[in-house]
Amino acid sequence: MPDRPLWTGPIVDAHQHFWDPVANNHPWLKPDSNIPFRYGDYSAIKRRYLPNDYLADAAGHRISETVYVETEWDPEAPIDETRYITSVSECFGLPNAVVAQAWLDRSDAPSVIAGQAAFPLVRSVRHKPGGPATPDAVGAERTLMSHEGWRKGYALLERHGLHFDLQTPWWNLDEAVRLARDFPRTLIVLNHAGLPSDRSQVGLAGWHAAMGRFASEPNVRVKISGLGQRGRRWSVEDNRWIVQEIIAMFGAGRAMFASNFPVDSLCGTFDTIFSGFKQIASQYSESEQQSLFCETARNVYKTSMLQASTAAQ
């Protein structure tokens, strides 16, 4: 079947960040910080990045709404981040939904989760669960997803109507499968496609098998984002198969494209990445493309609610 025209409709960017590391406390963005980072040197993003910067990067693409994801703000003040990004939204009209910070294994998790849920834009929380750093370490150690204290915090999400944004490499997804089964009414949104950074035949085979098991759970979704590779520029050739396999496993109704900007500016321009997504997605029907670029994210994060509320006033 020949490819269809490239998508020209609205885009809901399902995963992006804003920050002002001079005015606010982001430990990893301080001038003298240098944490281990999957893309290597990240000094280029240690700068103010707000909606006007984002829209300049996204020029030429119809950005309708965006989903802000927590930025590893000072962990002692997670509510301050949500209060700050709410003010950004009120000023600029972006973002339209928020994935907030909440440390699920801390004693203050109940109050933090309740506090985050009280903000109208908050739809989900994220707490990276750590754990095995390589596939070989699986079994010798576990992620927080298997720890009782963390799971007690996780159990609170359903009470507050919140999703969970999961960022973990693919080799930890069997723990996520158990989490999905144990908490079937909490939606898990997998960030960055399970981080398929190892593009060897063995690495991709392991990624594919783990993603297939995860995709079999009905209460999971996936973001097609964060596909950059250290030391390589983003390309369709590098990422086409991964995108196609994600869509084959999850279906367009459970997958969504996202920029991960400004982080992924380290491996490609916004136009390179989203034009690449459009080129790859052109093989799918118009309704499937609409899901991938817009409707899946809208359905998961209710990004259009803010616009509807504003229009009604």
Protein backbone atom coordinates (compact mmCIF):
# COMPACT_ATOMS: atom_id res chain seq x y z
CA MET A 1 0.00 0.00 0.00
CA PRO A 2 1.47 3.41 -0.96
CA ASP A 3 2.11 5.91 1.80
CA ARG A 4 -0.63 8.44 2.48
CA PRO A 5 -0.09 12.21 2.68
CA LEU A 6 1.90 13.40 5.67
CA TRP A 7 -0.14 14.38 8.72
CA THR A 8 -1.04 18.09 8.74
CA GLY A 9 -3.59 18.02 11.53
CA PRO A 10 -3.27 19.10 15.15
CA ILE A 11 -0.59 17.65 17.42
CA VAL A 12 -0.85 17.02 21.13
CA ASP A 13 2.75 16.71 22.28
CA ALA A 14 2.43 14.03 24.93
CA HIS A 15 5.75 14.62 26.69
CA GLN A 16 7.70 17.86 26.99
CA HIS A 17 9.34 20.06 29.61
CA PHE A 18 9.63 23.72 30.52
CA TRP A 19 12.13 25.08 33.02
CA ASP A 20 13.98 28.11 34.30
CA PRO A 21 17.01 26.70 36.14
CA VAL A 22 18.16 30.14 37.27
CA ALA A 23 14.91 31.04 39.02
CA ASN A 24 14.03 27.52 40.20
CA ASN A 25 15.81 24.62 41.87
CA HIS A 26 16.62 21.83 39.41
CA PRO A 27 19.66 20.10 40.95
CA TRP A 28 20.65 18.33 37.73
CA LEU A 29 20.52 21.57 35.69
CA LYS A 30 22.87 23.56 37.90
CA PRO A 31 26.03 24.78 36.09
CA ASP A 32 28.34 22.46 38.05
CA SER A 33 26.08 19.36 37.87
CA ASN A 34 27.00 16.51 35.55
CA ILE A 35 24.84 13.46 36.18
CA PRO A 36 25.16 10.28 34.08
CA PHE A 37 22.90 10.95 31.10
CA ARG A 38 21.87 8.63 28.29
CA TYR A 39 22.65 11.22 25.61
CA GLY A 40 26.02 12.15 27.11
CA ASP A 41 26.88 15.83 27.58
CA TYR A 42 23.67 17.75 28.27
CA SER A 43 25.12 21.18 29.02
CA ALA A 44 23.30 22.65 26.00
CA ILE A 45 19.93 22.28 27.75
CA LYS A 46 20.99 23.94 31.00
CA ARG A 47 19.13 27.08 30.02
CA ARG A 48 15.75 28.70 30.34
CA TYR A 49 13.15 26.91 28.21
CA LEU A 50 9.59 28.25 28.24
CA PRO A 51 6.61 28.09 25.85
CA ASN A 52 7.92 30.78 23.51
CA ASP A 53 11.16 28.80 23.09
CA TYR A 54 9.21 25.60 22.54
CA LEU A 55 6.89 27.16 19.94
CA ALA A 56 9.89 28.56 18.07
CA ASP A 57 11.39 25.04 17.96
CA ALA A 58 8.04 23.58 16.86
CA ALA A 59 7.41 26.13 14.10
CA GLY A 60 5.79 24.53 11.08
CA HIS A 61 3.89 21.93 13.12
CA ARG A 62 0.34 22.45 14.39
CA ILE A 63 0.85 22.19 18.13
CA SER A 64 -2.58 22.20 19.71
CA GLU A 65 -1.83 21.11 23.27
CA THR A 66 1.09 19.80 25.29
CA VAL A 67 1.65 17.57 28.31
CA TYR A 68 4.25 18.83 30.77
CA VAL A 69 6.22 16.14 32.57
CA GLU A 70 7.98 16.79 35.86
CA THR A 71 11.56 17.96 35.52
CA GLU A 72 13.34 16.54 38.58
CA TRP A 73 12.73 19.75 40.47
CA ASP A 74 13.97 19.88 44.06
CA PRO A 75 12.43 16.69 45.56
CA GLU A 76 11.79 18.50 48.82
CA ALA A 77 9.30 20.83 47.12
CA PRO A 78 7.27 18.90 44.52
CA ILE A 79 4.16 21.02 44.99
CA ASP A 80 6.17 24.15 44.17
CA GLU A 81 6.88 22.75 40.70
CA THR A 82 3.18 22.20 40.01
CA ARG A 83 2.32 25.65 41.31
CA TYR A 84 5.01 27.14 39.04
CA ILE A 85 3.93 25.27 35.90
CA THR A 86 0.31 26.17 36.57
CA SER A 87 1.34 29.82 36.45
CA VAL A 88 3.19 29.19 33.19
CA SER A 89 0.04 27.67 31.71
CA GLU A 90 -2.06 30.60 32.86
CA CYS A 91 0.38 32.99 31.19
CA PHE A 92 1.09 31.19 27.91
CA GLY A 93 -1.79 28.73 27.38
CA LEU A 94 0.69 25.84 27.55
CA PRO A 95 0.96 23.24 28.95
CA ASN A 96 -2.55 21.77 29.00
CA ALA A 97 -1.91 18.83 31.31
CA VAL A 98 0.72 18.00 33.91
CA VAL A 99 2.53 14.87 35.03
CA ALA A 100 3.60 15.85 38.53
CA GLN A 101 6.40 14.71 40.80
CA ALA A 102 5.54 12.41 43.71
CA TRP A 103 7.96 10.17 45.58
CA LEU A 104 5.72 7.20 46.24
CA ASP A 105 7.90 5.53 48.88
CA ARG A 106 8.21 8.57 51.15
CA SER A 107 6.23 9.08 54.33
CA ASP A 108 4.67 12.24 52.90
CA ALA A 109 3.39 10.45 49.77
CA PRO A 110 -0.30 10.61 50.85
CA SER A 111 -0.23 14.38 51.37
CA VAL A 112 1.88 15.04 48.26
CA ILE A 113 -0.37 12.93 46.02
CA ALA A 114 -3.48 14.61 47.42
CA GLY A 115 -1.86 18.01 46.97
CA GLN A 116 -0.88 17.29 43.38
CA ALA A 117 -4.32 15.94 42.53
CA ALA A 118 -5.89 19.20 43.72
CA PHE A 119 -4.34 21.12 40.80
CA PRO A 120 -6.75 21.20 37.83
CA LEU A 121 -4.03 20.36 35.29
CA VAL A 122 -2.56 17.30 37.03
CA ARG A 123 -3.45 14.00 35.38
CA SER A 124 -0.59 11.72 36.39
CA VAL A 125 2.51 11.43 38.53
CA ARG A 126 6.00 10.14 37.84
CA HIS A 127 8.57 8.55 40.13
CA LYS A 128 11.34 6.78 38.26
CA PRO A 129 11.64 3.39 40.01
CA GLY A 130 15.39 2.82 39.52
CA GLY A 131 16.56 -0.77 39.78
CA PRO A 132 18.73 -2.90 37.47
CA ALA A 133 20.83 -0.74 35.16
CA THR A 134 21.50 -3.57 32.69
CA PRO A 135 19.57 -6.67 31.59
CA ASP A 136 22.19 -8.87 33.28
CA ALA A 137 21.31 -7.40 36.68
CA VAL A 138 17.64 -8.40 36.48
CA GLY A 139 16.92 -10.91 39.23
CA ALA A 140 19.84 -9.80 41.36
CA GLU A 141 18.03 -6.57 42.21
CA ARG A 142 14.55 -5.15 41.75
CA THR A 143 13.01 -1.79 41.03
CA LEU A 144 10.82 0.12 43.43
CA MET A 145 7.83 -1.35 41.59
CA SER A 146 8.33 -4.49 43.69
CA HIS A 147 8.84 -2.74 47.05
CA GLU A 148 5.92 -2.78 49.48
CA GLY A 149 6.34 0.80 50.67
CA TRP A 150 6.41 2.18 47.13
CA ARG A 151 3.37 0.11 46.15
CA LYS A 152 1.44 1.55 49.10
CA GLY A 153 2.00 4.99 47.63
CA TYR A 154 1.11 3.74 44.17
CA ALA A 155 -2.19 2.37 45.50
CA LEU A 156 -3.23 5.93 46.36
CA LEU A 157 -3.27 7.03 42.72
CA GLU A 158 -6.57 5.32 41.97
CA ARG A 159 -8.25 7.09 44.89
CA HIS A 160 -7.30 10.44 43.38
CA GLY A 161 -8.04 9.51 39.76
CA LEU A 162 -4.40 9.77 38.69
CA HIS A 163 -2.39 7.81 36.13
CA PHE A 164 1.22 6.74 36.55
CA ASP A 165 3.94 7.75 34.07
CA LEU A 166 6.58 5.02 34.11
CA GLN A 167 10.11 5.66 32.95
CA THR A 168 12.21 2.51 33.07
CA PRO A 169 14.30 0.53 30.57
CA TRP A 170 12.63 -2.39 28.84
CA TRP A 171 14.33 -5.08 30.92
CA ASN A 172 12.32 -3.94 33.96
CA LEU A 173 8.95 -4.22 32.23
CA ASP A 174 8.06 -7.60 33.70
CA GLU A 175 7.80 -5.83 37.05
CA ALA A 176 5.54 -3.28 35.35
CA VAL A 177 3.36 -6.11 34.05
CA ARG A 178 2.84 -7.32 37.60
CA LEU A 179 2.10 -3.77 38.70
CA ALA A 180 -0.52 -3.39 35.96
CA ARG A 181 -2.18 -6.65 36.98
CA ASP A 182 -2.15 -5.86 40.69
CA PHE A 183 -3.65 -2.39 40.13
CA PRO A 184 -5.90 -2.88 37.09
CA ARG A 185 -7.78 0.42 37.52
CA THR A 186 -4.62 2.56 37.38
CA LEU A 187 -3.37 3.46 33.91
CA ILE A 188 0.38 3.09 33.31
CA VAL A 189 1.84 5.32 30.60
CA LEU A 190 5.25 4.06 29.53
CA ASN A 191 7.65 6.91 28.78
CA HIS A 192 10.09 6.90 25.87
CA ALA A 193 9.12 3.56 24.33
CA GLY A 194 10.87 1.52 27.02
CA LEU A 195 14.24 3.15 26.21
CA PRO A 196 15.51 0.95 23.35
CA SER A 197 19.00 2.43 23.38
CA ASP A 198 20.80 -0.83 22.59
CA ARG A 199 20.23 -1.22 18.86
CA SER A 200 22.14 -4.51 18.54
CA GLN A 201 20.20 -7.53 17.31
CA VAL A 202 20.18 -9.00 20.82
CA GLY A 203 19.18 -5.68 22.39
CA LEU A 204 16.29 -5.09 20.01
CA ALA A 205 15.07 -8.67 20.40
CA GLY A 206 14.99 -8.26 24.18
CA TRP A 207 13.22 -4.91 23.89
CA HIS A 208 10.63 -6.33 21.51
CA ALA A 209 9.82 -9.33 23.68
CA ALA A 210 9.48 -7.21 26.85
CA MET A 211 7.33 -4.61 25.10
CA GLY A 212 5.08 -7.35 23.74
CA ARG A 213 4.45 -8.72 27.22
CA PHE A 214 3.76 -5.24 28.56
CA ALA A 215 1.43 -4.37 25.67
CA SER A 216 -0.76 -7.39 26.50
CA GLU A 217 -2.04 -5.57 29.61
CA PRO A 218 -5.17 -3.50 28.89
CA ASN A 219 -4.35 -0.69 31.33
CA VAL A 220 -1.13 0.46 29.67
CA ARG A 221 -0.27 3.10 27.08
CA VAL A 222 3.04 4.09 25.47
CA LYS A 223 4.76 7.28 24.35
CA ILE A 224 6.77 7.09 21.15
CA SER A 225 9.49 9.50 22.21
CA GLY A 226 13.01 9.67 23.55
CA LEU A 227 14.35 7.53 20.68
CA GLY A 228 17.63 9.39 20.36
CA GLN A 229 20.96 7.60 20.54
CA ARG A 230 24.14 8.87 22.09
CA GLY A 231 26.49 10.28 19.48
CA ARG A 232 24.01 9.95 16.58
CA ARG A 233 21.60 12.39 15.01
CA TRP A 234 17.94 11.37 14.97
CA SER A 235 16.93 9.71 11.69
CA VAL A 236 13.98 7.90 10.17
CA GLU A 237 16.29 5.07 9.14
CA ASP A 238 17.34 4.47 12.76
CA ASN A 239 13.85 4.63 14.22
CA ARG A 240 11.33 3.46 11.62
CA TRP A 241 11.27 -0.21 12.68
CA ILE A 242 10.93 0.65 16.37
CA VAL A 243 7.99 2.99 15.73
CA GLN A 244 6.28 0.45 13.47
CA GLU A 245 6.69 -2.35 15.99
CA ILE A 246 5.31 -0.23 18.82
CA ILE A 247 2.22 0.55 16.77
CA ALA A 248 1.86 -3.12 15.81
CA MET A 249 2.03 -4.18 19.47
CA PHE A 250 -0.07 -1.44 21.10
CA GLY A 251 -2.24 -0.17 18.27
CA ALA A 252 -2.63 3.50 17.39
CA GLY A 253 -5.30 3.93 20.05
CA ARG A 254 -2.81 3.17 22.82
CA ALA A 255 0.28 4.96 21.45
CA MET A 256 1.14 8.64 21.17
CA PHE A 257 3.95 10.67 19.64
CA ALA A 258 5.91 13.10 21.82
CA SER A 259 8.93 15.36 21.45
CA ASN A 260 10.65 15.10 24.83
CA PHE A 261 11.84 18.64 24.17
CA PRO A 262 14.14 20.27 25.04
CA VAL A 263 15.93 17.06 26.09
CA ASP A 264 15.80 15.48 22.65
CA SER A 265 17.16 18.64 21.07
CA LEU A 266 20.46 17.02 22.00
CA CYS A 267 19.96 14.54 19.16
CA GLY A 268 17.74 16.31 16.64
CA THR A 269 15.67 19.38 15.87
CA PHE A 270 11.97 19.37 16.62
CA ASP A 271 11.29 19.44 12.89
CA THR A 272 13.60 16.49 12.22
CA ILE A 273 11.87 14.39 14.88
CA PHE A 274 8.25 15.26 14.12
CA SER A 275 8.74 15.26 10.36
CA GLY A 276 10.29 11.85 10.87
CA PHE A 277 7.26 10.67 12.84
CA LYS A 278 5.01 12.00 10.07
CA GLN A 279 6.98 10.20 7.40
CA ILE A 280 6.88 6.90 9.28
CA ALA A 281 3.18 7.30 10.16
CA SER A 282 2.16 8.03 6.57
CA GLN A 283 1.66 4.30 6.01
CA TYR A 284 -1.26 4.28 8.45
CA SER A 285 -4.86 5.38 7.91
CA GLU A 286 -5.95 8.95 8.63
CA SER A 287 -7.82 7.83 11.75
CA GLU A 288 -4.75 5.97 13.03
CA GLN A 289 -2.57 9.02 12.41
CA GLN A 290 -5.10 11.17 14.25
CA SER A 291 -4.83 8.84 17.24
CA LEU A 292 -1.03 8.81 17.19
CA PHE A 293 -0.58 12.55 16.82
CA CYS A 294 -3.54 13.80 18.81
CA GLU A 295 -6.41 11.72 20.13
CA THR A 296 -4.59 9.12 22.24
CA ALA A 297 -2.87 11.86 24.23
CA ARG A 298 -6.11 13.83 24.50
CA ASN A 299 -7.96 10.79 25.78
CA VAL A 300 -5.27 9.89 28.31
CA TYR A 301 -4.41 13.37 29.60
CA LYS A 302 -7.67 15.25 28.89
CA THR A 303 -5.63 18.09 27.44
CA SER A 304 -8.63 19.79 25.80
CA MET A 305 -10.45 20.28 29.12
CA LEU A 306 -8.56 23.49 29.88
CA GLN A 307 -9.41 24.94 26.49
CA ALA A 308 -13.10 23.99 26.88
CA SER A 309 -13.21 25.52 30.37
CA THR A 310 -11.62 28.74 29.13
CA ALA A 311 -14.01 28.99 26.16
CA ALA A 312 -17.01 28.61 28.46
CA GLN A 313 -16.01 31.57 30.64
